[in-house]
Amino acid sequence: MSTKKQQRPQNRSSEMKKLVEEWRQSGQGQEPFSISKGISPKTFNYWVRKIRREESTPGGFVPVGVPKQLDLRHSTGGVFARLRLADGVELCFEEEVSSVYLRSLLGW
């Protein structure tokens, strides 16, 4: 039987949110960071995904209207839309894409 004291779910969630934020600021990969904190990489990855889902749920996608007569491809070098993520990754689309496709692309 394990002597490790079980944490309340709310405390665990709060602790993991702090660790995920610390990881984001660290510049390290998930695996080295989690190992350095004594957490299994698999468990840490679970929490990273869970927290990302929680963060993306409240805001979700917001519809953006573009006037029909405005063709953005001419003014943006052939790019219809750009999506810049918090980690600096930028996605460029040459044409309109569905939110379903975008969610699948982002793993949401």
PDB file of N, CA and C in Angstrom:
ATOM      1  N   MET A   1       0.840  -1.178   0.000  1.00  0.00           N
ATOM      2  CA  MET A   1       0.000   0.000   0.000  1.00  0.00           C
ATOM      3  C   MET A   1       0.886   1.243   0.000  1.00  0.00           C
ATOM      4  N   SER A   2       0.528   2.210  -0.773  1.00  0.00           N
ATOM      5  CA  SER A   2       1.307   3.434  -0.897  1.00  0.00           C
ATOM      6  C   SER A   2       1.113   4.321   0.329  1.00  0.00           C
ATOM      7  N   THR A   3       2.215   4.930   0.763  1.00  0.00           N
ATOM      8  CA  THR A   3       2.131   5.858   1.889  1.00  0.00           C
ATOM      9  C   THR A   3       1.947   7.289   1.413  1.00  0.00           C
ATOM     10  N   LYS A   4       1.925   7.457   0.115  1.00  0.00           N
ATOM     11  CA  LYS A   4       1.756   8.784  -0.457  1.00  0.00           C
ATOM     12  C   LYS A   4       0.343   9.292  -0.171  1.00  0.00           C
ATOM     13  N   LYS A   5       0.270  10.495   0.399  1.00  0.00           N
ATOM     14  CA  LYS A   5      -1.017  11.086   0.737  1.00  0.00           C
ATOM     15  C   LYS A   5      -1.716  11.552  -0.537  1.00  0.00           C
ATOM     16  N   GLN A   6      -2.983  11.194  -0.702  1.00  0.00           N
ATOM     17  CA  GLN A   6      -3.764  11.607  -1.872  1.00  0.00           C
ATOM     18  C   GLN A   6      -4.148  13.078  -1.739  1.00  0.00           C
ATOM     19  N   GLN A   7      -3.975  13.839  -2.802  1.00  0.00           N
ATOM     20  CA  GLN A   7      -4.357  15.244  -2.800  1.00  0.00           C
ATOM     21  C   GLN A   7      -5.803  15.378  -3.230  1.00  0.00           C
ATOM     22  N   ARG A   8      -6.440  16.418  -2.739  1.00  0.00           N
ATOM     23  CA  ARG A   8      -7.775  16.724  -3.218  1.00  0.00           C
ATOM     24  C   ARG A   8      -7.682  17.101  -4.687  1.00  0.00           C
ATOM     25  N   PRO A   9      -8.677  16.743  -5.494  1.00  0.00           N
ATOM     26  CA  PRO A   9      -8.627  17.058  -6.922  1.00  0.00           C
ATOM     27  C   PRO A   9      -8.408  18.546  -7.203  1.00  0.00           C
ATOM     28  N   GLN A  10      -9.044  19.427  -6.417  1.00  0.00           N
ATOM     29  CA  GLN A  10      -8.905  20.861  -6.658  1.00  0.00           C
ATOM     30  C   GLN A  10      -7.475  21.311  -6.386  1.00  0.00           C
ATOM     31  N   ASN A  11      -6.845  20.779  -5.328  1.00  0.00           N
ATOM     32  CA  ASN A  11      -5.457  21.133  -5.023  1.00  0.00           C
ATOM     33  C   ASN A  11      -4.528  20.622  -6.115  1.00  0.00           C
ATOM     34  N   ARG A  12      -4.772  19.407  -6.580  1.00  0.00           N
ATOM     35  CA  ARG A  12      -3.946  18.815  -7.630  1.00  0.00           C
ATOM     36  C   ARG A  12      -4.037  19.650  -8.910  1.00  0.00           C
ATOM     37  N   SER A  13      -5.254  20.047  -9.256  1.00  0.00           N
ATOM     38  CA  SER A  13      -5.457  20.845 -10.455  1.00  0.00           C
ATOM     39  C   SER A  13      -4.721  22.182 -10.343  1.00  0.00           C
ATOM     40  N   SER A  14      -4.838  22.822  -9.212  1.00  0.00           N
ATOM     41  CA  SER A  14      -4.173  24.101  -8.987  1.00  0.00           C
ATOM     42  C   SER A  14      -2.655  23.947  -9.057  1.00  0.00           C
ATOM     43  N   GLU A  15      -2.143  22.887  -8.451  1.00  0.00           N
ATOM     44  CA  GLU A  15      -0.699  22.624  -8.471  1.00  0.00           C
ATOM     45  C   GLU A  15      -0.215  22.373  -9.893  1.00  0.00           C
ATOM     46  N   MET A  16      -0.967  21.595 -10.653  1.00  0.00           N
ATOM     47  CA  MET A  16      -0.557  21.272 -12.017  1.00  0.00           C
ATOM     48  C   MET A  16      -0.639  22.500 -12.926  1.00  0.00           C
ATOM     49  N   LYS A  17      -1.619  23.367 -12.710  1.00  0.00           N
ATOM     50  CA  LYS A  17      -1.702  24.597 -13.502  1.00  0.00           C
ATOM     51  C   LYS A  17      -0.451  25.453 -13.280  1.00  0.00           C
ATOM     52  N   LYS A  18      -0.002  25.524 -12.048  1.00  0.00           N
ATOM     53  CA  LYS A  18       1.214  26.287 -11.740  1.00  0.00           C
ATOM     54  C   LYS A  18       2.421  25.656 -12.427  1.00  0.00           C
ATOM     55  N   LEU A  19       2.506  24.321 -12.385  1.00  0.00           N
ATOM     56  CA  LEU A  19       3.626  23.635 -13.029  1.00  0.00           C
ATOM     57  C   LEU A  19       3.593  23.800 -14.553  1.00  0.00           C
ATOM     58  N   VAL A  20       2.415  23.736 -15.139  1.00  0.00           N
ATOM     59  CA  VAL A  20       2.304  23.907 -16.590  1.00  0.00           C
ATOM     60  C   VAL A  20       2.752  25.318 -16.970  1.00  0.00           C
ATOM     61  N   GLU A  21       2.351  26.312 -16.188  1.00  0.00           N
ATOM     62  CA  GLU A  21       2.777  27.684 -16.469  1.00  0.00           C
ATOM     63  C   GLU A  21       4.292  27.815 -16.304  1.00  0.00           C
ATOM     64  N   GLU A  22       4.837  27.185 -15.285  1.00  0.00           N
ATOM     65  CA  GLU A  22       6.287  27.198 -15.078  1.00  0.00           C
ATOM     66  C   GLU A  22       6.997  26.542 -16.264  1.00  0.00           C
ATOM     67  N   TRP A  23       6.435  25.428 -16.737  1.00  0.00           N
ATOM     68  CA  TRP A  23       7.010  24.736 -17.901  1.00  0.00           C
ATOM     69  C   TRP A  23       6.989  25.636 -19.139  1.00  0.00           C
ATOM     70  N   ARG A  24       5.864  26.328 -19.367  1.00  0.00           N
ATOM     71  CA  ARG A  24       5.739  27.200 -20.531  1.00  0.00           C
ATOM     72  C   ARG A  24       6.816  28.290 -20.513  1.00  0.00           C
ATOM     73  N   GLN A  25       7.117  28.790 -19.336  1.00  0.00           N
ATOM     74  CA  GLN A  25       8.119  29.849 -19.199  1.00  0.00           C
ATOM     75  C   GLN A  25       9.550  29.312 -19.286  1.00  0.00           C
ATOM     76  N   SER A  26       9.717  28.009 -19.020  1.00  0.00           N
ATOM     77  CA  SER A  26      11.058  27.423 -18.919  1.00  0.00           C
ATOM     78  C   SER A  26      11.777  27.255 -20.258  1.00  0.00           C
ATOM     79  N   GLY A  27      11.020  27.056 -21.327  1.00  0.00           N
ATOM     80  CA  GLY A  27      11.646  26.794 -22.627  1.00  0.00           C
ATOM     81  C   GLY A  27      12.094  25.349 -22.778  1.00  0.00           C
ATOM     82  N   GLN A  28      11.849  24.518 -21.780  1.00  0.00           N
ATOM     83  CA  GLN A  28      12.220  23.101 -21.845  1.00  0.00           C
ATOM     84  C   GLN A  28      11.123  22.300 -22.529  1.00  0.00           C
ATOM     85  N   GLY A  29      11.487  21.101 -22.961  1.00  0.00           N
ATOM     86  CA  GLY A  29      10.497  20.166 -23.468  1.00  0.00           C
ATOM     87  C   GLY A  29       9.703  19.602 -22.295  1.00  0.00           C
ATOM     88  N   GLN A  30       8.539  19.029 -22.591  1.00  0.00           N
ATOM     89  CA  GLN A  30       7.702  18.475 -21.530  1.00  0.00           C
ATOM     90  C   GLN A  30       8.414  17.369 -20.753  1.00  0.00           C
ATOM     91  N   GLU A  31       9.065  16.470 -21.472  1.00  0.00           N
ATOM     92  CA  GLU A  31       9.679  15.318 -20.811  1.00  0.00           C
ATOM     93  C   GLU A  31      10.784  15.715 -19.828  1.00  0.00           C
ATOM     94  N   PRO A  32      11.792  16.507 -20.246  1.00  0.00           N
ATOM     95  CA  PRO A  32      12.826  16.876 -19.284  1.00  0.00           C
ATOM     96  C   PRO A  32      12.274  17.670 -18.102  1.00  0.00           C
ATOM     97  N   PHE A  33      11.307  18.556 -18.384  1.00  0.00           N
ATOM     98  CA  PHE A  33      10.733  19.361 -17.311  1.00  0.00           C
ATOM     99  C   PHE A  33      10.012  18.473 -16.295  1.00  0.00           C
ATOM    100  N   SER A  34       9.158  17.578 -16.801  1.00  0.00           N
ATOM    101  CA  SER A  34       8.378  16.735 -15.889  1.00  0.00           C
ATOM    102  C   SER A  34       9.281  15.816 -15.066  1.00  0.00           C
ATOM    103  N   ILE A  35      10.302  15.278 -15.697  1.00  0.00           N
ATOM    104  CA  ILE A  35      11.232  14.405 -14.969  1.00  0.00           C
ATOM    105  C   ILE A  35      11.944  15.203 -13.880  1.00  0.00           C
ATOM    106  N   SER A  36      12.340  16.438 -14.196  1.00  0.00           N
ATOM    107  CA  SER A  36      13.031  17.259 -13.196  1.00  0.00           C
ATOM    108  C   SER A  36      12.131  17.592 -12.009  1.00  0.00           C
ATOM    109  N   LYS A  37      10.816  17.535 -12.210  1.00  0.00           N
ATOM    110  CA  LYS A  37       9.861  17.821 -11.138  1.00  0.00           C
ATOM    111  C   LYS A  37       9.339  16.551 -10.466  1.00  0.00           C
ATOM    112  N   GLY A  38       9.840  15.393 -10.927  1.00  0.00           N
ATOM    113  CA  GLY A  38       9.423  14.130 -10.321  1.00  0.00           C
ATOM    114  C   GLY A  38       8.043  13.662 -10.750  1.00  0.00           C
ATOM    115  N   ILE A  39       7.624  14.082 -11.936  1.00  0.00           N
ATOM    116  CA  ILE A  39       6.314  13.698 -12.469  1.00  0.00           C
ATOM    117  C   ILE A  39       6.544  12.873 -13.724  1.00  0.00           C
ATOM    118  N   SER A  40       5.766  11.835 -13.905  1.00  0.00           N
ATOM    119  CA  SER A  40       5.928  11.021 -15.108  1.00  0.00           C
ATOM    120  C   SER A  40       5.562  11.867 -16.324  1.00  0.00           C
ATOM    121  N   PRO A  41       6.332  11.750 -17.416  1.00  0.00           N
ATOM    122  CA  PRO A  41       6.031  12.518 -18.629  1.00  0.00           C
ATOM    123  C   PRO A  41       4.603  12.288 -19.141  1.00  0.00           C
ATOM    124  N   LYS A  42       4.115  11.070 -18.995  1.00  0.00           N
ATOM    125  CA  LYS A  42       2.767  10.742 -19.462  1.00  0.00           C
ATOM    126  C   LYS A  42       1.715  11.524 -18.656  1.00  0.00           C
ATOM    127  N   THR A  43       1.910  11.581 -17.341  1.00  0.00           N
ATOM    128  CA  THR A  43       0.989  12.315 -16.473  1.00  0.00           C
ATOM    129  C   THR A  43       1.050  13.806 -16.776  1.00  0.00           C
ATOM    130  N   PHE A  44       2.259  14.329 -16.945  1.00  0.00           N
ATOM    131  CA  PHE A  44       2.405  15.754 -17.215  1.00  0.00           C
ATOM    132  C   PHE A  44       1.762  16.117 -18.546  1.00  0.00           C
ATOM    133  N   ASN A  45       1.940  15.281 -19.565  1.00  0.00           N
ATOM    134  CA  ASN A  45       1.324  15.527 -20.871  1.00  0.00           C
ATOM    135  C   ASN A  45      -0.198  15.544 -20.756  1.00  0.00           C
ATOM    136  N   TYR A  46      -0.747  14.650 -19.940  1.00  0.00           N
ATOM    137  CA  TYR A  46      -2.195  14.629 -19.707  1.00  0.00           C
ATOM    138  C   TYR A  46      -2.661  15.993 -19.178  1.00  0.00           C
ATOM    139  N   TRP A  47      -1.954  16.515 -18.190  1.00  0.00           N
ATOM    140  CA  TRP A  47      -2.340  17.789 -17.583  1.00  0.00           C
ATOM    141  C   TRP A  47      -2.156  18.957 -18.560  1.00  0.00           C
ATOM    142  N   VAL A  48      -1.108  18.937 -19.364  1.00  0.00           N
ATOM    143  CA  VAL A  48      -0.903  19.998 -20.353  1.00  0.00           C
ATOM    144  C   VAL A  48      -2.090  20.024 -21.316  1.00  0.00           C
ATOM    145  N   ARG A  49      -2.483  18.852 -21.816  1.00  0.00           N
ATOM    146  CA  ARG A  49      -3.619  18.778 -22.749  1.00  0.00           C
ATOM    147  C   ARG A  49      -4.922  19.217 -22.076  1.00  0.00           C
ATOM    148  N   LYS A  50      -5.126  18.757 -20.839  1.00  0.00           N
ATOM    149  CA  LYS A  50      -6.341  19.100 -20.091  1.00  0.00           C
ATOM    150  C   LYS A  50      -6.435  20.611 -19.871  1.00  0.00           C
ATOM    151  N   ILE A  51      -5.346  21.230 -19.480  1.00  0.00           N
ATOM    152  CA  ILE A  51      -5.334  22.668 -19.225  1.00  0.00           C
ATOM    153  C   ILE A  51      -5.513  23.451 -20.519  1.00  0.00           C
ATOM    154  N   ARG A  52      -4.915  22.986 -21.610  1.00  0.00           N
ATOM    155  CA  ARG A  52      -5.122  23.657 -22.911  1.00  0.00           C
ATOM    156  C   ARG A  52      -6.598  23.640 -23.299  1.00  0.00           C
ATOM    157  N   ARG A  53      -7.238  22.475 -23.099  1.00  0.00           N
ATOM    158  CA  ARG A  53      -8.675  22.367 -23.425  1.00  0.00           C
ATOM    159  C   ARG A  53      -9.480  23.342 -22.575  1.00  0.00           C
ATOM    160  N   GLU A  54      -9.178  23.421 -21.279  1.00  0.00           N
ATOM    161  CA  GLU A  54      -9.898  24.325 -20.382  1.00  0.00           C
ATOM    162  C   GLU A  54      -9.707  25.782 -20.804  1.00  0.00           C
ATOM    163  N   GLU A  55      -8.488  26.120 -21.215  1.00  0.00           N
ATOM    164  CA  GLU A  55      -8.192  27.492 -21.623  1.00  0.00           C
ATOM    165  C   GLU A  55      -8.893  27.858 -22.927  1.00  0.00           C
ATOM    166  N   SER A  56      -9.039  26.901 -23.816  1.00  0.00           N
ATOM    167  CA  SER A  56      -9.634  27.204 -25.115  1.00  0.00           C
ATOM    168  C   SER A  56     -11.156  27.160 -25.082  1.00  0.00           C
ATOM    169  N   THR A  57     -11.737  26.494 -24.115  1.00  0.00           N
ATOM    170  CA  THR A  57     -13.184  26.329 -24.066  1.00  0.00           C
ATOM    171  C   THR A  57     -13.946  27.632 -23.843  1.00  0.00           C
ATOM    172  N   PRO A  58     -13.576  28.465 -22.847  1.00  0.00           N
ATOM    173  CA  PRO A  58     -14.385  29.650 -22.584  1.00  0.00           C
ATOM    174  C   PRO A  58     -14.509  30.593 -23.780  1.00  0.00           C
ATOM    175  N   GLY A  59     -13.404  30.871 -24.438  1.00  0.00           N
ATOM    176  CA  GLY A  59     -13.446  31.806 -25.555  1.00  0.00           C
ATOM    177  C   GLY A  59     -13.914  31.154 -26.830  1.00  0.00           C
ATOM    178  N   GLY A  60     -13.399  29.974 -27.080  1.00  0.00           N
ATOM    179  CA  GLY A  60     -13.741  29.280 -28.313  1.00  0.00           C
ATOM    180  C   GLY A  60     -13.360  30.094 -29.533  1.00  0.00           C
ATOM    181  N   PHE A  61     -14.023  29.861 -30.629  1.00  0.00           N
ATOM    182  CA  PHE A  61     -13.785  30.593 -31.862  1.00  0.00           C
ATOM    183  C   PHE A  61     -14.770  31.745 -31.965  1.00  0.00           C
ATOM    184  N   VAL A  62     -14.299  32.829 -32.466  1.00  0.00           N
ATOM    185  CA  VAL A  62     -15.144  33.999 -32.662  1.00  0.00           C
ATOM    186  C   VAL A  62     -15.243  34.251 -34.157  1.00  0.00           C
ATOM    187  N   PRO A  63     -16.453  34.342 -34.699  1.00  0.00           N
ATOM    188  CA  PRO A  63     -16.593  34.591 -36.131  1.00  0.00           C
ATOM    189  C   PRO A  63     -16.045  35.973 -36.496  1.00  0.00           C
ATOM    190  N   VAL A  64     -15.338  36.028 -37.584  1.00  0.00           N
ATOM    191  CA  VAL A  64     -14.802  37.287 -38.088  1.00  0.00           C
ATOM    192  C   VAL A  64     -15.361  37.489 -39.476  1.00  0.00           C
ATOM    193  N   GLY A  65     -16.053  38.596 -39.677  1.00  0.00           N
ATOM    194  CA  GLY A  65     -16.630  38.880 -40.988  1.00  0.00           C
ATOM    195  C   GLY A  65     -15.667  39.656 -41.858  1.00  0.00           C
ATOM    196  N   VAL A  66     -15.578  39.264 -43.109  1.00  0.00           N
ATOM    197  CA  VAL A  66     -14.746  39.973 -44.083  1.00  0.00           C
ATOM    198  C   VAL A  66     -15.662  40.383 -45.226  1.00  0.00           C
ATOM    199  N   PRO A  67     -15.713  41.674 -45.511  1.00  0.00           N
ATOM    200  CA  PRO A  67     -16.574  42.121 -46.618  1.00  0.00           C
ATOM    201  C   PRO A  67     -16.233  41.394 -47.913  1.00  0.00           C
ATOM    202  N   LYS A  68     -17.237  41.014 -48.666  1.00  0.00           N
ATOM    203  CA  LYS A  68     -17.045  40.271 -49.921  1.00  0.00           C
ATOM    204  C   LYS A  68     -16.137  41.023 -50.897  1.00  0.00           C
ATOM    205  N   GLN A  69     -16.285  42.348 -50.954  1.00  0.00           N
ATOM    206  CA  GLN A  69     -15.501  43.100 -51.919  1.00  0.00           C
ATOM    207  C   GLN A  69     -14.033  43.235 -51.516  1.00  0.00           C
ATOM    208  N   LEU A  70     -13.696  42.907 -50.284  1.00  0.00           N
ATOM    209  CA  LEU A  70     -12.316  43.013 -49.817  1.00  0.00           C
ATOM    210  C   LEU A  70     -11.615  41.677 -50.018  1.00  0.00           C
ATOM    211  N   ASP A  71     -10.659  41.641 -50.897  1.00  0.00           N
ATOM    212  CA  ASP A  71      -9.895  40.417 -51.145  1.00  0.00           C
ATOM    213  C   ASP A  71      -8.561  40.553 -50.424  1.00  0.00           C
ATOM    214  N   LEU A  72      -8.437  39.910 -49.275  1.00  0.00           N
ATOM    215  CA  LEU A  72      -7.250  40.025 -48.437  1.00  0.00           C
ATOM    216  C   LEU A  72      -6.009  39.418 -49.071  1.00  0.00           C
ATOM    217  N   ARG A  73      -6.177  38.530 -50.014  1.00  0.00           N
ATOM    218  CA  ARG A  73      -5.014  37.861 -50.600  1.00  0.00           C
ATOM    219  C   ARG A  73      -4.096  38.834 -51.318  1.00  0.00           C
ATOM    220  N   HIS A  74      -4.644  39.911 -51.872  1.00  0.00           N
ATOM    221  CA  HIS A  74      -3.797  40.877 -52.585  1.00  0.00           C
ATOM    222  C   HIS A  74      -2.967  41.705 -51.621  1.00  0.00           C
ATOM    223  N   SER A  75      -3.529  42.037 -50.463  1.00  0.00           N
ATOM    224  CA  SER A  75      -2.813  42.900 -49.525  1.00  0.00           C
ATOM    225  C   SER A  75      -1.927  42.125 -48.554  1.00  0.00           C
ATOM    226  N   THR A  76      -2.049  40.814 -48.484  1.00  0.00           N
ATOM    227  CA  THR A  76      -1.274  40.036 -47.509  1.00  0.00           C
ATOM    228  C   THR A  76      -0.394  38.993 -48.173  1.00  0.00           C
ATOM    229  N   GLY A  77      -0.068  39.168 -49.421  1.00  0.00           N
ATOM    230  CA  GLY A  77       0.837  38.240 -50.089  1.00  0.00           C
ATOM    231  C   GLY A  77       0.256  36.861 -50.308  1.00  0.00           C
ATOM    232  N   GLY A  78      -1.010  36.751 -50.693  1.00  0.00           N
ATOM    233  CA  GLY A  78      -1.625  35.466 -50.976  1.00  0.00           C
ATOM    234  C   GLY A  78      -2.175  34.762 -49.747  1.00  0.00           C
ATOM    235  N   VAL A  79      -2.146  35.421 -48.594  1.00  0.00           N
ATOM    236  CA  VAL A  79      -2.627  34.805 -47.349  1.00  0.00           C
ATOM    237  C   VAL A  79      -4.017  35.339 -47.039  1.00  0.00           C
ATOM    238  N   PHE A  80      -4.967  34.432 -46.855  1.00  0.00           N
ATOM    239  CA  PHE A  80      -6.330  34.814 -46.506  1.00  0.00           C
ATOM    240  C   PHE A  80      -6.419  35.179 -45.032  1.00  0.00           C
ATOM    241  N   ALA A  81      -5.763  34.363 -44.183  1.00  0.00           N
ATOM    242  CA  ALA A  81      -5.806  34.603 -42.738  1.00  0.00           C
ATOM    243  C   ALA A  81      -4.546  34.053 -42.084  1.00  0.00           C
ATOM    244  N   ARG A  82      -4.149  34.700 -40.996  1.00  0.00           N
ATOM    245  CA  ARG A  82      -3.020  34.235 -40.185  1.00  0.00           C
ATOM    246  C   ARG A  82      -3.522  34.000 -38.770  1.00  0.00           C
ATOM    247  N   LEU A  83      -3.026  32.943 -38.173  1.00  0.00           N
ATOM    248  CA  LEU A  83      -3.365  32.633 -36.794  1.00  0.00           C
ATOM    249  C   LEU A  83      -2.054  32.495 -36.038  1.00  0.00           C
ATOM    250  N   ARG A  84      -1.821  33.381 -35.094  1.00  0.00           N
ATOM    251  CA  ARG A  84      -0.589  33.339 -34.306  1.00  0.00           C
ATOM    252  C   ARG A  84      -0.927  32.788 -32.935  1.00  0.00           C
ATOM    253  N   LEU A  85      -0.308  31.645 -32.584  1.00  0.00           N
ATOM    254  CA  LEU A  85      -0.563  30.993 -31.312  1.00  0.00           C
ATOM    255  C   LEU A  85       0.303  31.598 -30.217  1.00  0.00           C
ATOM    256  N   ALA A  86      -0.062  31.333 -28.974  1.00  0.00           N
ATOM    257  CA  ALA A  86       0.648  31.902 -27.831  1.00  0.00           C
ATOM    258  C   ALA A  86       2.123  31.520 -27.812  1.00  0.00           C
ATOM    259  N   ASP A  87       2.461  30.342 -28.332  1.00  0.00           N
ATOM    260  CA  ASP A  87       3.860  29.895 -28.301  1.00  0.00           C
ATOM    261  C   ASP A  87       4.666  30.423 -29.492  1.00  0.00           C
ATOM    262  N   GLY A  88       4.067  31.318 -30.295  1.00  0.00           N
ATOM    263  CA  GLY A  88       4.782  31.936 -31.399  1.00  0.00           C
ATOM    264  C   GLY A  88       4.592  31.253 -32.744  1.00  0.00           C
ATOM    265  N   VAL A  89       3.978  30.091 -32.768  1.00  0.00           N
ATOM    266  CA  VAL A  89       3.723  29.387 -34.027  1.00  0.00           C
ATOM    267  C   VAL A  89       2.676  30.180 -34.802  1.00  0.00           C
ATOM    268  N   GLU A  90       2.911  30.331 -36.094  1.00  0.00           N
ATOM    269  CA  GLU A  90       1.984  31.070 -36.939  1.00  0.00           C
ATOM    270  C   GLU A  90       1.467  30.160 -38.046  1.00  0.00           C
ATOM    271  N   LEU A  91       0.153  30.117 -38.197  1.00  0.00           N
ATOM    272  CA  LEU A  91      -0.480  29.352 -39.269  1.00  0.00           C
ATOM    273  C   LEU A  91      -1.033  30.339 -40.285  1.00  0.00           C
ATOM    274  N   CYS A  92      -0.750  30.099 -41.553  1.00  0.00           N
ATOM    275  CA  CYS A  92      -1.243  30.964 -42.625  1.00  0.00           C
ATOM    276  C   CYS A  92      -2.134  30.137 -43.543  1.00  0.00           C
ATOM    277  N   PHE A  93      -3.257  30.704 -43.905  1.00  0.00           N
ATOM    278  CA  PHE A  93      -4.205  30.027 -44.781  1.00  0.00           C
ATOM    279  C   PHE A  93      -4.418  30.859 -46.030  1.00  0.00           C
ATOM    280  N   GLU A  94      -4.382  30.201 -47.172  1.00  0.00           N
ATOM    281  CA  GLU A  94      -4.586  30.886 -48.440  1.00  0.00           C
ATOM    282  C   GLU A  94      -6.063  31.023 -48.778  1.00  0.00           C
ATOM    283  N   GLU A  95      -6.890  30.263 -48.083  1.00  0.00           N
ATOM    284  CA  GLU A  95      -8.328  30.350 -48.297  1.00  0.00           C
ATOM    285  C   GLU A  95      -9.040  30.051 -46.991  1.00  0.00           C
ATOM    286  N   GLU A  96     -10.325  30.296 -46.972  1.00  0.00           N
ATOM    287  CA  GLU A  96     -11.133  30.084 -45.776  1.00  0.00           C
ATOM    288  C   GLU A  96     -11.125  28.607 -45.388  1.00  0.00           C
ATOM    289  N   VAL A  97     -11.027  28.343 -44.075  1.00  0.00           N
ATOM    290  CA  VAL A  97     -11.085  26.967 -43.577  1.00  0.00           C
ATOM    291  C   VAL A  97     -12.177  26.893 -42.513  1.00  0.00           C
ATOM    292  N   SER A  98     -12.732  25.708 -42.320  1.00  0.00           N
ATOM    293  CA  SER A  98     -13.795  25.543 -41.335  1.00  0.00           C
ATOM    294  C   SER A  98     -13.214  25.459 -39.925  1.00  0.00           C
ATOM    295  N   SER A  99     -14.034  25.794 -38.946  1.00  0.00           N
ATOM    296  CA  SER A  99     -13.593  25.703 -37.554  1.00  0.00           C
ATOM    297  C   SER A  99     -13.332  24.243 -37.179  1.00  0.00           C
ATOM    298  N   VAL A 100     -14.053  23.311 -37.787  1.00  0.00           N
ATOM    299  CA  VAL A 100     -13.841  21.887 -37.514  1.00  0.00           C
ATOM    300  C   VAL A 100     -12.435  21.479 -37.960  1.00  0.00           C
ATOM    301  N   TYR A 101     -12.047  21.911 -39.142  1.00  0.00           N
ATOM    302  CA  TYR A 101     -10.707  21.618 -39.644  1.00  0.00           C
ATOM    303  C   TYR A 101      -9.636  22.262 -38.756  1.00  0.00           C
ATOM    304  N   LEU A 102      -9.872  23.516 -38.384  1.00  0.00           N
ATOM    305  CA  LEU A 102      -8.911  24.238 -37.554  1.00  0.00           C
ATOM    306  C   LEU A 102      -8.750  23.578 -36.190  1.00  0.00           C
ATOM    307  N   ARG A 103      -9.857  23.179 -35.594  1.00  0.00           N
ATOM    308  CA  ARG A 103      -9.773  22.469 -34.301  1.00  0.00           C
ATOM    309  C   ARG A 103      -8.992  21.157 -34.438  1.00  0.00           C
ATOM    310  N   SER A 104      -9.227  20.407 -35.505  1.00  0.00           N
ATOM    311  CA  SER A 104      -8.517  19.142 -35.682  1.00  0.00           C
ATOM    312  C   SER A 104      -7.035  19.391 -35.905  1.00  0.00           C
ATOM    313  N   LEU A 105      -6.703  20.453 -36.616  1.00  0.00           N
ATOM    314  CA  LEU A 105      -5.322  20.816 -36.878  1.00  0.00           C
ATOM    315  C   LEU A 105      -4.599  21.166 -35.574  1.00  0.00           C
ATOM    316  N   LEU A 106      -5.287  21.858 -34.687  1.00  0.00           N
ATOM    317  CA  LEU A 106      -4.706  22.292 -33.425  1.00  0.00           C
ATOM    318  C   LEU A 106      -4.818  21.255 -32.314  1.00  0.00           C
ATOM    319  N   GLY A 107      -5.565  20.186 -32.572  1.00  0.00           N
ATOM    320  CA  GLY A 107      -5.736  19.133 -31.570  1.00  0.00           C
ATOM    321  C   GLY A 107      -6.676  19.531 -30.446  1.00  0.00           C
ATOM    322  N   TRP A 108      -7.659  20.387 -30.738  1.00  0.00           N
ATOM    323  CA  TRP A 108      -8.608  20.841 -29.711  1.00  0.00           C
ATOM    324  C   TRP A 108      -9.851  20.035 -29.765  1.00  0.00           C
TER     325      TRP A 108
END
